[in-house]
Amino acid sequence: MTYLVILAFIAILGSLAAALYFMLRGGKTATAKSRGMARALAFRVGFSILLFVCILVAWQLGYIHPTGIPPGR
């Protein structure tokens, strides 16, 4: 499970880097630049949702357990 989370974070950061690249360099036209940036940001959102769902499934299957935060005094 740890490797899946690390891989998901790397994918999220990679898609953010791709969006930054398209924002700064992009294509030859403004349309190509915005299309590439929008696609990269859409992948980031997709990876984030996938990570969240995987964490919920792992919790339901018992692969991970919440540690709990002690209540304040």
Protein backbone atom coordinates (compact mmCIF):
# COMPACT_ATOMS: atom_id res chain seq x y z
CA MET A 1 0.00 0.00 0.00
CA THR A 2 2.88 2.33 0.76
CA TYR A 3 4.27 1.93 -2.73
CA LEU A 4 0.87 2.68 -4.27
CA VAL A 5 0.60 5.92 -2.28
CA ILE A 6 4.15 6.96 -3.18
CA LEU A 7 3.48 6.19 -6.85
CA ALA A 8 0.25 8.21 -6.77
CA PHE A 9 2.03 11.21 -5.21
CA ILE A 10 4.74 11.02 -7.86
CA ALA A 11 2.05 10.93 -10.58
CA ILE A 12 0.31 13.95 -9.01
CA LEU A 13 3.55 15.92 -8.83
CA GLY A 14 4.46 14.87 -12.39
CA SER A 15 1.16 16.13 -13.75
CA LEU A 16 1.63 19.41 -11.88
CA ALA A 17 5.08 19.72 -13.43
CA ALA A 18 3.60 19.02 -16.87
CA ALA A 19 0.98 21.74 -16.32
CA LEU A 20 3.73 24.15 -15.30
CA TYR A 21 5.70 23.25 -18.42
CA PHE A 22 2.68 23.88 -20.66
CA MET A 23 2.00 27.14 -18.85
CA LEU A 24 5.56 28.42 -19.29
CA ARG A 25 6.59 26.91 -22.63
CA GLY A 26 3.48 25.31 -24.10
CA GLY A 27 2.82 24.89 -27.76
CA LYS A 28 3.15 27.33 -30.59
CA THR A 29 -0.39 28.63 -30.19
CA ALA A 30 -2.38 29.70 -27.16
CA THR A 31 -4.92 26.97 -27.86
CA ALA A 32 -2.28 24.24 -27.76
CA LYS A 33 -0.84 25.70 -24.58
CA SER A 34 -4.19 25.85 -22.75
CA ARG A 35 -5.23 22.41 -24.03
CA GLY A 36 -2.03 20.80 -22.75
CA MET A 37 -2.25 22.57 -19.41
CA ALA A 38 -5.93 21.67 -18.97
CA ARG A 39 -5.20 18.02 -19.79
CA ALA A 40 -2.34 17.88 -17.28
CA LEU A 41 -4.47 19.45 -14.55
CA ALA A 42 -7.32 17.04 -15.35
CA PHE A 43 -4.93 14.13 -14.90
CA ARG A 44 -3.87 15.61 -11.55
CA VAL A 45 -7.47 15.73 -10.38
CA GLY A 46 -8.00 12.17 -11.60
CA PHE A 47 -4.89 10.92 -9.80
CA SER A 48 -5.97 12.68 -6.61
CA ILE A 49 -9.43 11.12 -6.72
CA LEU A 50 -7.92 7.71 -7.47
CA LEU A 51 -5.56 8.06 -4.49
CA PHE A 52 -8.46 9.01 -2.21
CA VAL A 53 -10.56 6.05 -3.39
CA CYS A 54 -7.63 3.66 -2.96
CA ILE A 55 -7.08 4.87 0.59
CA LEU A 56 -10.77 4.39 1.39
CA VAL A 57 -10.78 0.88 -0.09
CA ALA A 58 -7.61 -0.05 1.80
CA TRP A 59 -9.18 1.19 5.02
CA GLN A 60 -12.37 -0.80 4.38
CA LEU A 61 -10.39 -3.96 3.59
CA GLY A 62 -8.26 -3.53 6.71
CA TYR A 63 -4.95 -2.88 4.98
CA ILE A 64 -4.51 0.39 6.85
CA HIS A 65 -5.77 1.40 10.28
CA PRO A 66 -6.39 4.87 11.66
CA THR A 67 -4.09 5.68 14.56
CA GLY A 68 -6.49 8.07 16.19
CA ILE A 69 -5.70 11.46 17.63
CA PRO A 70 -6.02 11.65 21.41
CA PRO A 71 -8.70 14.14 22.49
CA GLY A 72 -7.50 17.49 23.79
CA ARG A 73 -7.72 18.34 27.47
